[in-house]
Amino acid sequence: VSGATNSSRAVTAAVEAALQKAGGTAADLKKTHQTDAALPTNNSTDVL
């Protein structure tokens, strides 16, 4: 997350440490497929 790099890295480092304790790495996780949301269509307003 921009502006919070150190806090962001703390999460990923913690998860990787937990995976190591569990006997593996992030490569052993079941992958999921995420579909990115479309661009907004309501792009008109009174005050921006």
ModelCIF file with pLDDT and N, C-alpha, C, O atoms, coordinates in Angstrom:
data_MODEL
#
_entry.id   MODEL 
#
_entity.id                         1 
_entity.type                       polymer 
_entity.pdbx_number_of_molecules   1 
#
_entity_poly.entity_id                      1 
_entity_poly.type                           'polypeptide(L)' 
_entity_poly.nstd_linkage                   no 
_entity_poly.nstd_monomer                   no 
_entity_poly.pdbx_seq_one_letter_code       VSGATNSSRAVTAAVEAALQKAGGTAADLKKTHQTDAALPTNNSTDVL 
_entity_poly.pdbx_seq_one_letter_code_can   VSGATNSSRAVTAAVEAALQKAGGTAADLKKTHQTDAALPTNNSTDVL 
_entity_poly.pdbx_strand_id                 A 
#
loop_
_entity_poly_seq.entity_id 
_entity_poly_seq.num 
_entity_poly_seq.mon_id 
_entity_poly_seq.hetero 
1 1  VAL n 
1 2  SER n 
1 3  GLY n 
1 4  ALA n 
1 5  THR n 
1 6  ASN n 
1 7  SER n 
1 8  SER n 
1 9  ARG n 
1 10 ALA n 
1 11 VAL n 
1 12 THR n 
1 13 ALA n 
1 14 ALA n 
1 15 VAL n 
1 16 GLU n 
1 17 ALA n 
1 18 ALA n 
1 19 LEU n 
1 20 GLN n 
1 21 LYS n 
1 22 ALA n 
1 23 GLY n 
1 24 GLY n 
1 25 THR n 
1 26 ALA n 
1 27 ALA n 
1 28 ASP n 
1 29 LEU n 
1 30 LYS n 
1 31 LYS n 
1 32 THR n 
1 33 HIS n 
1 34 GLN n 
1 35 THR n 
1 36 ASP n 
1 37 ALA n 
1 38 ALA n 
1 39 LEU n 
1 40 PRO n 
1 41 THR n 
1 42 ASN n 
1 43 ASN n 
1 44 SER n 
1 45 THR n 
1 46 ASP n 
1 47 VAL n 
1 48 LEU n 
#
_struct_asym.id          A 
_struct_asym.entity_id   1 
#
loop_
_ma_qa_metric.id 
_ma_qa_metric.mode 
_ma_qa_metric.name 
_ma_qa_metric.software_group_id 
_ma_qa_metric.type 
1 global pLDDT . pLDDT 
2 local  pLDDT . pLDDT 
#
_ma_qa_metric_global.metric_id      1 
_ma_qa_metric_global.metric_value   89.56 
_ma_qa_metric_global.model_id       1 
_ma_qa_metric_global.ordinal_id     1 
#
loop_
_ma_qa_metric_local.label_asym_id 
_ma_qa_metric_local.label_comp_id 
_ma_qa_metric_local.label_seq_id 
_ma_qa_metric_local.metric_id 
_ma_qa_metric_local.metric_value 
_ma_qa_metric_local.model_id 
_ma_qa_metric_local.ordinal_id 
A VAL 1  2 91.00 1 1  
A SER 2  2 84.00 1 2  
A GLY 3  2 82.00 1 3  
A ALA 4  2 88.00 1 4  
A THR 5  2 89.00 1 5  
A ASN 6  2 90.00 1 6  
A SER 7  2 92.00 1 7  
A SER 8  2 93.00 1 8  
A ARG 9  2 94.00 1 9  
A ALA 10 2 95.00 1 10 
A VAL 11 2 96.00 1 11 
A THR 12 2 95.00 1 12 
A ALA 13 2 96.00 1 13 
A ALA 14 2 96.00 1 14 
A VAL 15 2 96.00 1 15 
A GLU 16 2 95.00 1 16 
A ALA 17 2 96.00 1 17 
A ALA 18 2 95.00 1 18 
A LEU 19 2 95.00 1 19 
A GLN 20 2 94.00 1 20 
A LYS 21 2 95.00 1 21 
A ALA 22 2 94.00 1 22 
A GLY 23 2 93.00 1 23 
A GLY 24 2 92.00 1 24 
A THR 25 2 92.00 1 25 
A ALA 26 2 91.00 1 26 
A ALA 27 2 91.00 1 27 
A ASP 28 2 91.00 1 28 
A LEU 29 2 92.00 1 29 
A LYS 30 2 88.00 1 30 
A LYS 31 2 80.00 1 31 
A THR 32 2 78.00 1 32 
A HIS 33 2 69.00 1 33 
A GLN 34 2 68.00 1 34 
A THR 35 2 67.00 1 35 
A ASP 36 2 68.00 1 36 
A ALA 37 2 72.00 1 37 
A ALA 38 2 84.00 1 38 
A LEU 39 2 91.00 1 39 
A PRO 40 2 91.00 1 40 
A THR 41 2 89.00 1 41 
A ASN 42 2 88.00 1 42 
A ASN 43 2 95.00 1 43 
A SER 44 2 96.00 1 44 
A THR 45 2 98.00 1 45 
A ASP 46 2 98.00 1 46 
A VAL 47 2 98.00 1 47 
A LEU 48 2 98.00 1 48 
#
loop_
_atom_site.group_PDB 
_atom_site.id 
_atom_site.type_symbol 
_atom_site.label_atom_id 
_atom_site.label_alt_id 
_atom_site.label_comp_id 
_atom_site.label_asym_id 
_atom_site.label_entity_id 
_atom_site.label_seq_id 
_atom_site.pdbx_PDB_ins_code 
_atom_site.Cartn_x 
_atom_site.Cartn_y 
_atom_site.Cartn_z 
_atom_site.occupancy 
_atom_site.B_iso_or_equiv 
_atom_site.pdbx_formal_charge 
_atom_site.auth_seq_id 
_atom_site.auth_comp_id 
_atom_site.auth_asym_id 
_atom_site.auth_atom_id 
_atom_site.pdbx_PDB_model_num 
ATOM 1   N N  . VAL A 1 1  ? 0.848   -1.183  0.000   1.00 91.00 ? 1  VAL A N  1 
ATOM 2   C CA . VAL A 1 1  ? 0.000   0.000   0.000   1.00 91.00 ? 1  VAL A CA 1 
ATOM 3   C C  . VAL A 1 1  ? 0.887   1.237   0.000   1.00 91.00 ? 1  VAL A C  1 
ATOM 4   O O  . VAL A 1 1  ? 1.727   1.403   0.884   1.00 91.00 ? 1  VAL A O  1 
ATOM 5   N N  . SER A 1 2  ? 0.701   2.105   -0.990  1.00 84.00 ? 2  SER A N  1 
ATOM 6   C CA . SER A 1 2  ? 1.514   3.320   -1.076  1.00 84.00 ? 2  SER A CA 1 
ATOM 7   C C  . SER A 1 2  ? 1.363   4.149   0.191   1.00 84.00 ? 2  SER A C  1 
ATOM 8   O O  . SER A 1 2  ? 0.251   4.390   0.661   1.00 84.00 ? 2  SER A O  1 
ATOM 9   N N  . GLY A 1 3  ? 2.494   4.582   0.735   1.00 82.00 ? 3  GLY A N  1 
ATOM 10  C CA . GLY A 1 3  ? 2.475   5.371   1.958   1.00 82.00 ? 3  GLY A CA 1 
ATOM 11  C C  . GLY A 1 3  ? 2.533   4.535   3.218   1.00 82.00 ? 3  GLY A C  1 
ATOM 12  O O  . GLY A 1 3  ? 2.674   5.072   4.317   1.00 82.00 ? 3  GLY A O  1 
ATOM 13  N N  . ALA A 1 4  ? 2.425   3.205   3.066   1.00 88.00 ? 4  ALA A N  1 
ATOM 14  C CA . ALA A 1 4  ? 2.478   2.316   4.224   1.00 88.00 ? 4  ALA A CA 1 
ATOM 15  C C  . ALA A 1 4  ? 3.242   1.048   3.856   1.00 88.00 ? 4  ALA A C  1 
ATOM 16  O O  . ALA A 1 4  ? 2.809   -0.064  4.155   1.00 88.00 ? 4  ALA A O  1 
ATOM 17  N N  . THR A 1 5  ? 4.379   1.237   3.205   1.00 89.00 ? 5  THR A N  1 
ATOM 18  C CA . THR A 1 5  ? 5.164   0.112   2.698   1.00 89.00 ? 5  THR A CA 1 
ATOM 19  C C  . THR A 1 5  ? 5.633   -0.814  3.817   1.00 89.00 ? 5  THR A C  1 
ATOM 20  O O  . THR A 1 5  ? 5.543   -2.035  3.686   1.00 89.00 ? 5  THR A O  1 
ATOM 21  N N  . ASN A 1 6  ? 6.132   -0.246  4.915   1.00 90.00 ? 6  ASN A N  1 
ATOM 22  C CA . ASN A 1 6  ? 6.665   -1.075  5.997   1.00 90.00 ? 6  ASN A CA 1 
ATOM 23  C C  . ASN A 1 6  ? 5.575   -1.926  6.650   1.00 90.00 ? 6  ASN A C  1 
ATOM 24  O O  . ASN A 1 6  ? 5.798   -3.096  6.963   1.00 90.00 ? 6  ASN A O  1 
ATOM 25  N N  . SER A 1 7  ? 4.403   -1.336  6.853   1.00 92.00 ? 7  SER A N  1 
ATOM 26  C CA . SER A 1 7  ? 3.287   -2.086  7.434   1.00 92.00 ? 7  SER A CA 1 
ATOM 27  C C  . SER A 1 7  ? 2.822   -3.176  6.483   1.00 92.00 ? 7  SER A C  1 
ATOM 28  O O  . SER A 1 7  ? 2.478   -4.279  6.909   1.00 92.00 ? 7  SER A O  1 
ATOM 29  N N  . SER A 1 8  ? 2.813   -2.861  5.183   1.00 93.00 ? 8  SER A N  1 
ATOM 30  C CA . SER A 1 8  ? 2.408   -3.846  4.178   1.00 93.00 ? 8  SER A CA 1 
ATOM 31  C C  . SER A 1 8  ? 3.354   -5.034  4.174   1.00 93.00 ? 8  SER A C  1 
ATOM 32  O O  . SER A 1 8  ? 2.922   -6.186  4.144   1.00 93.00 ? 8  SER A O  1 
ATOM 33  N N  . ARG A 1 9  ? 4.646   -4.742  4.204   1.00 94.00 ? 9  ARG A N  1 
ATOM 34  C CA . ARG A 1 9  ? 5.642   -5.823  4.177   1.00 94.00 ? 9  ARG A CA 1 
ATOM 35  C C  . ARG A 1 9  ? 5.588   -6.672  5.432   1.00 94.00 ? 9  ARG A C  1 
ATOM 36  O O  . ARG A 1 9  ? 5.936   -7.852  5.403   1.00 94.00 ? 9  ARG A O  1 
ATOM 37  N N  . ALA A 1 10 ? 5.154   -6.077  6.539   1.00 95.00 ? 10 ALA A N  1 
ATOM 38  C CA . ALA A 1 10 ? 5.041   -6.843  7.779   1.00 95.00 ? 10 ALA A CA 1 
ATOM 39  C C  . ALA A 1 10 ? 4.048   -7.985  7.606   1.00 95.00 ? 10 ALA A C  1 
ATOM 40  O O  . ALA A 1 10 ? 4.273   -9.086  8.109   1.00 95.00 ? 10 ALA A O  1 
ATOM 41  N N  . VAL A 1 11 ? 2.944   -7.728  6.891   1.00 96.00 ? 11 VAL A N  1 
ATOM 42  C CA . VAL A 1 11 ? 1.924   -8.765  6.697   1.00 96.00 ? 11 VAL A CA 1 
ATOM 43  C C  . VAL A 1 11 ? 2.482   -9.911  5.858   1.00 96.00 ? 11 VAL A C  1 
ATOM 44  O O  . VAL A 1 11 ? 2.371   -11.078 6.234   1.00 96.00 ? 11 VAL A O  1 
ATOM 45  N N  . THR A 1 12 ? 3.080   -9.569  4.721   1.00 95.00 ? 12 THR A N  1 
ATOM 46  C CA . THR A 1 12 ? 3.593   -10.624 3.845   1.00 95.00 ? 12 THR A CA 1 
ATOM 47  C C  . THR A 1 12 ? 4.706   -11.419 4.528   1.00 95.00 ? 12 THR A C  1 
ATOM 48  O O  . THR A 1 12 ? 4.791   -12.637 4.368   1.00 95.00 ? 12 THR A O  1 
ATOM 49  N N  . ALA A 1 13 ? 5.558   -10.728 5.289   1.00 96.00 ? 13 ALA A N  1 
ATOM 50  C CA . ALA A 1 13 ? 6.629   -11.429 5.998   1.00 96.00 ? 13 ALA A CA 1 
ATOM 51  C C  . ALA A 1 13 ? 6.057   -12.370 7.053   1.00 96.00 ? 13 ALA A C  1 
ATOM 52  O O  . ALA A 1 13 ? 6.548   -13.483 7.239   1.00 96.00 ? 13 ALA A O  1 
ATOM 53  N N  . ALA A 1 14 ? 5.010   -11.908 7.743   1.00 96.00 ? 14 ALA A N  1 
ATOM 54  C CA . ALA A 1 14 ? 4.388   -12.736 8.778   1.00 96.00 ? 14 ALA A CA 1 
ATOM 55  C C  . ALA A 1 14 ? 3.742   -13.979 8.167   1.00 96.00 ? 14 ALA A C  1 
ATOM 56  O O  . ALA A 1 14 ? 3.885   -15.080 8.697   1.00 96.00 ? 14 ALA A O  1 
ATOM 57  N N  . VAL A 1 15 ? 3.040   -13.804 7.066   1.00 96.00 ? 15 VAL A N  1 
ATOM 58  C CA . VAL A 1 15 ? 2.380   -14.945 6.417   1.00 96.00 ? 15 VAL A CA 1 
ATOM 59  C C  . VAL A 1 15 ? 3.416   -15.948 5.922   1.00 96.00 ? 15 VAL A C  1 
ATOM 60  O O  . VAL A 1 15 ? 3.235   -17.159 6.058   1.00 96.00 ? 15 VAL A O  1 
ATOM 61  N N  . GLU A 1 16 ? 4.507   -15.432 5.344   1.00 95.00 ? 16 GLU A N  1 
ATOM 62  C CA . GLU A 1 16 ? 5.552   -16.340 4.862   1.00 95.00 ? 16 GLU A CA 1 
ATOM 63  C C  . GLU A 1 16 ? 6.196   -17.103 6.017   1.00 95.00 ? 16 GLU A C  1 
ATOM 64  O O  . GLU A 1 16 ? 6.552   -18.272 5.870   1.00 95.00 ? 16 GLU A O  1 
ATOM 65  N N  . ALA A 1 17 ? 6.346   -16.436 7.171   1.00 96.00 ? 17 ALA A N  1 
ATOM 66  C CA . ALA A 1 17 ? 6.896   -17.107 8.352   1.00 96.00 ? 17 ALA A CA 1 
ATOM 67  C C  . ALA A 1 17 ? 5.934   -18.182 8.864   1.00 96.00 ? 17 ALA A C  1 
ATOM 68  O O  . ALA A 1 17 ? 6.358   -19.255 9.292   1.00 96.00 ? 17 ALA A O  1 
ATOM 69  N N  . ALA A 1 18 ? 4.639   -17.880 8.813   1.00 95.00 ? 18 ALA A N  1 
ATOM 70  C CA . ALA A 1 18 ? 3.627   -18.855 9.249   1.00 95.00 ? 18 ALA A CA 1 
ATOM 71  C C  . ALA A 1 18 ? 3.602   -20.060 8.318   1.00 95.00 ? 18 ALA A C  1 
ATOM 72  O O  . ALA A 1 18 ? 3.472   -21.195 8.776   1.00 95.00 ? 18 ALA A O  1 
ATOM 73  N N  . LEU A 1 19 ? 3.726   -19.823 7.019   1.00 95.00 ? 19 LEU A N  1 
ATOM 74  C CA . LEU A 1 19 ? 3.753   -20.926 6.052   1.00 95.00 ? 19 LEU A CA 1 
ATOM 75  C C  . LEU A 1 19 ? 4.966   -21.814 6.278   1.00 95.00 ? 19 LEU A C  1 
ATOM 76  O O  . LEU A 1 19 ? 4.885   -23.035 6.140   1.00 95.00 ? 19 LEU A O  1 
ATOM 77  N N  . GLN A 1 20 ? 6.088   -21.201 6.627   1.00 94.00 ? 20 GLN A N  1 
ATOM 78  C CA . GLN A 1 20 ? 7.290   -21.970 6.918   1.00 94.00 ? 20 GLN A CA 1 
ATOM 79  C C  . GLN A 1 20 ? 7.081   -22.846 8.156   1.00 94.00 ? 20 GLN A C  1 
ATOM 80  O O  . GLN A 1 20 ? 7.507   -24.000 8.186   1.00 94.00 ? 20 GLN A O  1 
ATOM 81  N N  . LYS A 1 21 ? 6.424   -22.290 9.171   1.00 95.00 ? 21 LYS A N  1 
ATOM 82  C CA . LYS A 1 21 ? 6.115   -23.074 10.367  1.00 95.00 ? 21 LYS A CA 1 
ATOM 83  C C  . LYS A 1 21 ? 5.176   -24.230 10.038  1.00 95.00 ? 21 LYS A C  1 
ATOM 84  O O  . LYS A 1 21 ? 5.220   -25.284 10.672  1.00 95.00 ? 21 LYS A O  1 
ATOM 85  N N  . ALA A 1 22 ? 4.317   -24.011 9.023   1.00 94.00 ? 22 ALA A N  1 
ATOM 86  C CA . ALA A 1 22 ? 3.359   -25.038 8.626   1.00 94.00 ? 22 ALA A CA 1 
ATOM 87  C C  . ALA A 1 22 ? 3.998   -26.087 7.720   1.00 94.00 ? 22 ALA A C  1 
ATOM 88  O O  . ALA A 1 22 ? 3.347   -27.050 7.317   1.00 94.00 ? 22 ALA A O  1 
ATOM 89  N N  . GLY A 1 23 ? 5.269   -25.894 7.406   1.00 93.00 ? 23 GLY A N  1 
ATOM 90  C CA . GLY A 1 23 ? 5.977   -26.901 6.628   1.00 93.00 ? 23 GLY A CA 1 
ATOM 91  C C  . GLY A 1 23 ? 6.049   -26.654 5.143   1.00 93.00 ? 23 GLY A C  1 
ATOM 92  O O  . GLY A 1 23 ? 6.307   -27.581 4.376   1.00 93.00 ? 23 GLY A O  1 
ATOM 93  N N  . GLY A 1 24 ? 5.822   -25.407 4.714   1.00 92.00 ? 24 GLY A N  1 
ATOM 94  C CA . GLY A 1 24 ? 5.871   -25.144 3.283   1.00 92.00 ? 24 GLY A CA 1 
ATOM 95  C C  . GLY A 1 24 ? 6.149   -23.694 2.968   1.00 92.00 ? 24 GLY A C  1 
ATOM 96  O O  . GLY A 1 24 ? 6.746   -22.971 3.766   1.00 92.00 ? 24 GLY A O  1 
ATOM 97  N N  . THR A 1 25 ? 5.708   -23.276 1.792   1.00 92.00 ? 25 THR A N  1 
ATOM 98  C CA . THR A 1 25 ? 5.877   -21.898 1.343   1.00 92.00 ? 25 THR A CA 1 
ATOM 99  C C  . THR A 1 25 ? 4.606   -21.447 0.639   1.00 92.00 ? 25 THR A C  1 
ATOM 100 O O  . THR A 1 25 ? 3.642   -22.205 0.531   1.00 92.00 ? 25 THR A O  1 
ATOM 101 N N  . ALA A 1 26 ? 4.613   -20.207 0.160   1.00 91.00 ? 26 ALA A N  1 
ATOM 102 C CA . ALA A 1 26 ? 3.449   -19.678 -0.554  1.00 91.00 ? 26 ALA A CA 1 
ATOM 103 C C  . ALA A 1 26 ? 3.150   -20.481 -1.811  1.00 91.00 ? 26 ALA A C  1 
ATOM 104 O O  . ALA A 1 26 ? 2.016   -20.469 -2.291  1.00 91.00 ? 26 ALA A O  1 
ATOM 105 N N  . ALA A 1 27 ? 4.147   -21.180 -2.357  1.00 91.00 ? 27 ALA A N  1 
ATOM 106 C CA . ALA A 1 27 ? 3.940   -21.990 -3.558  1.00 91.00 ? 27 ALA A CA 1 
ATOM 107 C C  . ALA A 1 27 ? 3.005   -23.167 -3.296  1.00 91.00 ? 27 ALA A C  1 
ATOM 108 O O  . ALA A 1 27 ? 2.453   -23.737 -4.237  1.00 91.00 ? 27 ALA A O  1 
ATOM 109 N N  . ASP A 1 28 ? 2.821   -23.536 -2.028  1.00 91.00 ? 28 ASP A N  1 
ATOM 110 C CA . ASP A 1 28 ? 1.968   -24.675 -1.678  1.00 91.00 ? 28 ASP A CA 1 
ATOM 111 C C  . ASP A 1 28 ? 0.501   -24.287 -1.461  1.00 91.00 ? 28 ASP A C  1 
ATOM 112 O O  . ASP A 1 28 ? -0.338  -25.155 -1.220  1.00 91.00 ? 28 ASP A O  1 
ATOM 113 N N  . LEU A 1 29 ? 0.194   -23.007 -1.545  1.00 92.00 ? 29 LEU A N  1 
ATOM 114 C CA . LEU A 1 29 ? -1.192  -22.568 -1.357  1.00 92.00 ? 29 LEU A CA 1 
ATOM 115 C C  . LEU A 1 29 ? -2.039  -22.890 -2.580  1.00 92.00 ? 29 LEU A C  1 
ATOM 116 O O  . LEU A 1 29 ? -1.554  -22.861 -3.711  1.00 92.00 ? 29 LEU A O  1 
ATOM 117 N N  . LYS A 1 30 ? -3.301  -23.195 -2.342  1.00 88.00 ? 30 LYS A N  1 
ATOM 118 C CA . LYS A 1 30 ? -4.243  -23.397 -3.443  1.00 88.00 ? 30 LYS A CA 1 
ATOM 119 C C  . LYS A 1 30 ? -4.548  -22.056 -4.073  1.00 88.00 ? 30 LYS A C  1 
ATOM 120 O O  . LYS A 1 30 ? -5.062  -21.156 -3.408  1.00 88.00 ? 30 LYS A O  1 
ATOM 121 N N  . LYS A 1 31 ? -4.243  -21.917 -5.324  1.00 80.00 ? 31 LYS A N  1 
ATOM 122 C CA . LYS A 1 31 ? -4.443  -20.641 -6.004  1.00 80.00 ? 31 LYS A CA 1 
ATOM 123 C C  . LYS A 1 31 ? -5.918  -20.407 -6.316  1.00 80.00 ? 31 LYS A C  1 
ATOM 124 O O  . LYS A 1 31 ? -6.670  -21.350 -6.560  1.00 80.00 ? 31 LYS A O  1 
ATOM 125 N N  . THR A 1 32 ? -6.319  -19.137 -6.305  1.00 78.00 ? 32 THR A N  1 
ATOM 126 C CA . THR A 1 32 ? -7.685  -18.763 -6.668  1.00 78.00 ? 32 THR A CA 1 
ATOM 127 C C  . THR A 1 32 ? -7.635  -17.809 -7.846  1.00 78.00 ? 32 THR A C  1 
ATOM 128 O O  . THR A 1 32 ? -6.639  -17.113 -8.043  1.00 78.00 ? 32 THR A O  1 
ATOM 129 N N  . HIS A 1 33 ? -8.679  -17.773 -8.613  1.00 69.00 ? 33 HIS A N  1 
ATOM 130 C CA . HIS A 1 33 ? -8.751  -16.869 -9.771  1.00 69.00 ? 33 HIS A CA 1 
ATOM 131 C C  . HIS A 1 33 ? -9.613  -15.669 -9.416  1.00 69.00 ? 33 HIS A C  1 
ATOM 132 O O  . HIS A 1 33 ? -10.775 -15.814 -9.034  1.00 69.00 ? 33 HIS A O  1 
ATOM 133 N N  . GLN A 1 34 ? -9.030  -14.478 -9.546  1.00 68.00 ? 34 GLN A N  1 
ATOM 134 C CA . GLN A 1 34 ? -9.750  -13.249 -9.238  1.00 68.00 ? 34 GLN A CA 1 
ATOM 135 C C  . GLN A 1 34 ? -10.065 -12.492 -10.522 1.00 68.00 ? 34 GLN A C  1 
ATOM 136 O O  . GLN A 1 34 ? -9.190  -12.264 -11.358 1.00 68.00 ? 34 GLN A O  1 
ATOM 137 N N  . THR A 1 35 ? -11.316 -12.112 -10.661 1.00 67.00 ? 35 THR A N  1 
ATOM 138 C CA . THR A 1 35 ? -11.722 -11.319 -11.817 1.00 67.00 ? 35 THR A CA 1 
ATOM 139 C C  . THR A 1 35 ? -11.759 -9.851  -11.415 1.00 67.00 ? 35 THR A C  1 
ATOM 140 O O  . THR A 1 35 ? -12.510 -9.462  -10.520 1.00 67.00 ? 35 THR A O  1 
ATOM 141 N N  . ASP A 1 36 ? -10.948 -9.043  -12.079 1.00 68.00 ? 36 ASP A N  1 
ATOM 142 C CA . ASP A 1 36 ? -10.914 -7.617  -11.764 1.00 68.00 ? 36 ASP A CA 1 
ATOM 143 C C  . ASP A 1 36 ? -12.225 -6.939  -12.123 1.00 68.00 ? 36 ASP A C  1 
ATOM 144 O O  . ASP A 1 36 ? -12.834 -7.234  -13.151 1.00 68.00 ? 36 ASP A O  1 
ATOM 145 N N  . ALA A 1 37 ? -12.653 -6.017  -11.249 1.00 72.00 ? 37 ALA A N  1 
ATOM 146 C CA . ALA A 1 37 ? -13.899 -5.287  -11.487 1.00 72.00 ? 37 ALA A CA 1 
ATOM 147 C C  . ALA A 1 37 ? -13.744 -4.360  -12.693 1.00 72.00 ? 37 ALA A C  1 
ATOM 148 O O  . ALA A 1 37 ? -12.643 -3.923  -13.026 1.00 72.00 ? 37 ALA A O  1 
ATOM 149 N N  . ALA A 1 38 ? -14.867 -4.076  -13.331 1.00 84.00 ? 38 ALA A N  1 
ATOM 150 C CA . ALA A 1 38 ? -14.860 -3.186  -14.491 1.00 84.00 ? 38 ALA A CA 1 
ATOM 151 C C  . ALA A 1 38 ? -14.722 -1.739  -14.034 1.00 84.00 ? 38 ALA A C  1 
ATOM 152 O O  . ALA A 1 38 ? -14.913 -1.431  -12.857 1.00 84.00 ? 38 ALA A O  1 
ATOM 153 N N  . LEU A 1 39 ? -14.390 -0.860  -14.964 1.00 91.00 ? 39 LEU A N  1 
ATOM 154 C CA . LEU A 1 39 ? -14.306 0.564   -14.655 1.00 91.00 ? 39 LEU A CA 1 
ATOM 155 C C  . LEU A 1 39 ? -15.690 1.088   -14.287 1.00 91.00 ? 39 LEU A C  1 
ATOM 156 O O  . LEU A 1 39 ? -16.691 0.570   -14.782 1.00 91.00 ? 39 LEU A O  1 
ATOM 157 N N  . PRO A 1 40 ? -15.768 2.105   -13.429 1.00 91.00 ? 40 PRO A N  1 
ATOM 158 C CA . PRO A 1 40 ? -17.069 2.682   -13.059 1.00 91.00 ? 40 PRO A CA 1 
ATOM 159 C C  . PRO A 1 40 ? -17.784 3.247   -14.295 1.00 91.00 ? 40 PRO A C  1 
ATOM 160 O O  . PRO A 1 40 ? -17.148 3.744   -15.224 1.00 91.00 ? 40 PRO A O  1 
ATOM 161 N N  . THR A 1 41 ? -19.084 3.161   -14.281 1.00 89.00 ? 41 THR A N  1 
ATOM 162 C CA . THR A 1 41 ? -19.877 3.694   -15.410 1.00 89.00 ? 41 THR A CA 1 
ATOM 163 C C  . THR A 1 41 ? -20.583 4.990   -15.031 1.00 89.00 ? 41 THR A C  1 
ATOM 164 O O  . THR A 1 41 ? -20.934 5.783   -15.905 1.00 89.00 ? 41 THR A O  1 
ATOM 165 N N  . ASN A 1 42 ? -20.794 5.213   -13.733 1.00 88.00 ? 42 ASN A N  1 
ATOM 166 C CA . ASN A 1 42 ? -21.464 6.437   -13.290 1.00 88.00 ? 42 ASN A CA 1 
ATOM 167 C C  . ASN A 1 42 ? -20.404 7.509   -13.021 1.00 88.00 ? 42 ASN A C  1 
ATOM 168 O O  . ASN A 1 42 ? -19.898 7.626   -11.905 1.00 88.00 ? 42 ASN A O  1 
ATOM 169 N N  . ASN A 1 43 ? -20.079 8.276   -14.039 1.00 95.00 ? 43 ASN A N  1 
ATOM 170 C CA . ASN A 1 43 ? -18.961 9.212   -13.950 1.00 95.00 ? 43 ASN A CA 1 
ATOM 171 C C  . ASN A 1 43 ? -19.375 10.661  -14.169 1.00 95.00 ? 43 ASN A C  1 
ATOM 172 O O  . ASN A 1 43 ? -18.676 11.435  -14.823 1.00 95.00 ? 43 ASN A O  1 
ATOM 173 N N  . SER A 1 44 ? -20.523 11.006  -13.608 1.00 96.00 ? 44 SER A N  1 
ATOM 174 C CA . SER A 1 44 ? -21.008 12.384  -13.673 1.00 96.00 ? 44 SER A CA 1 
ATOM 175 C C  . SER A 1 44 ? -21.540 12.766  -12.295 1.00 96.00 ? 44 SER A C  1 
ATOM 176 O O  . SER A 1 44 ? -22.207 11.965  -11.639 1.00 96.00 ? 44 SER A O  1 
ATOM 177 N N  . THR A 1 45 ? -21.247 13.978  -11.859 1.00 98.00 ? 45 THR A N  1 
ATOM 178 C CA . THR A 1 45 ? -21.658 14.390  -10.519 1.00 98.00 ? 45 THR A CA 1 
ATOM 179 C C  . THR A 1 45 ? -21.822 15.899  -10.455 1.00 98.00 ? 45 THR A C  1 
ATOM 180 O O  . THR A 1 45 ? -21.453 16.613  -11.388 1.00 98.00 ? 45 THR A O  1 
ATOM 181 N N  . ASP A 1 46 ? -22.375 16.377  -9.352  1.00 98.00 ? 46 ASP A N  1 
ATOM 182 C CA . ASP A 1 46 ? -22.485 17.831  -9.153  1.00 98.00 ? 46 ASP A CA 1 
ATOM 183 C C  . ASP A 1 46 ? -21.130 18.418  -8.781  1.00 98.00 ? 46 ASP A C  1 
ATOM 184 O O  . ASP A 1 46 ? -20.651 19.364  -9.407  1.00 98.00 ? 46 ASP A O  1 
ATOM 185 N N  . VAL A 1 47 ? -20.517 17.829  -7.737  1.00 98.00 ? 47 VAL A N  1 
ATOM 186 C CA . VAL A 1 47 ? -19.238 18.322  -7.231  1.00 98.00 ? 47 VAL A CA 1 
ATOM 187 C C  . VAL A 1 47 ? -18.230 17.181  -7.199  1.00 98.00 ? 47 VAL A C  1 
ATOM 188 O O  . VAL A 1 47 ? -18.474 16.139  -6.590  1.00 98.00 ? 47 VAL A O  1 
ATOM 189 N N  . LEU A 1 48 ? -17.108 17.387  -7.852  1.00 98.00 ? 48 LEU A N  1 
ATOM 190 C CA . LEU A 1 48 ? -16.017 16.423  -7.833  1.00 98.00 ? 48 LEU A CA 1 
ATOM 191 C C  . LEU A 1 48 ? -14.892 17.006  -6.977  1.00 98.00 ? 48 LEU A C  1 
ATOM 192 O O  . LEU A 1 48 ? -13.851 16.370  -6.808  1.00 98.00 ? 48 LEU A O  1 
#
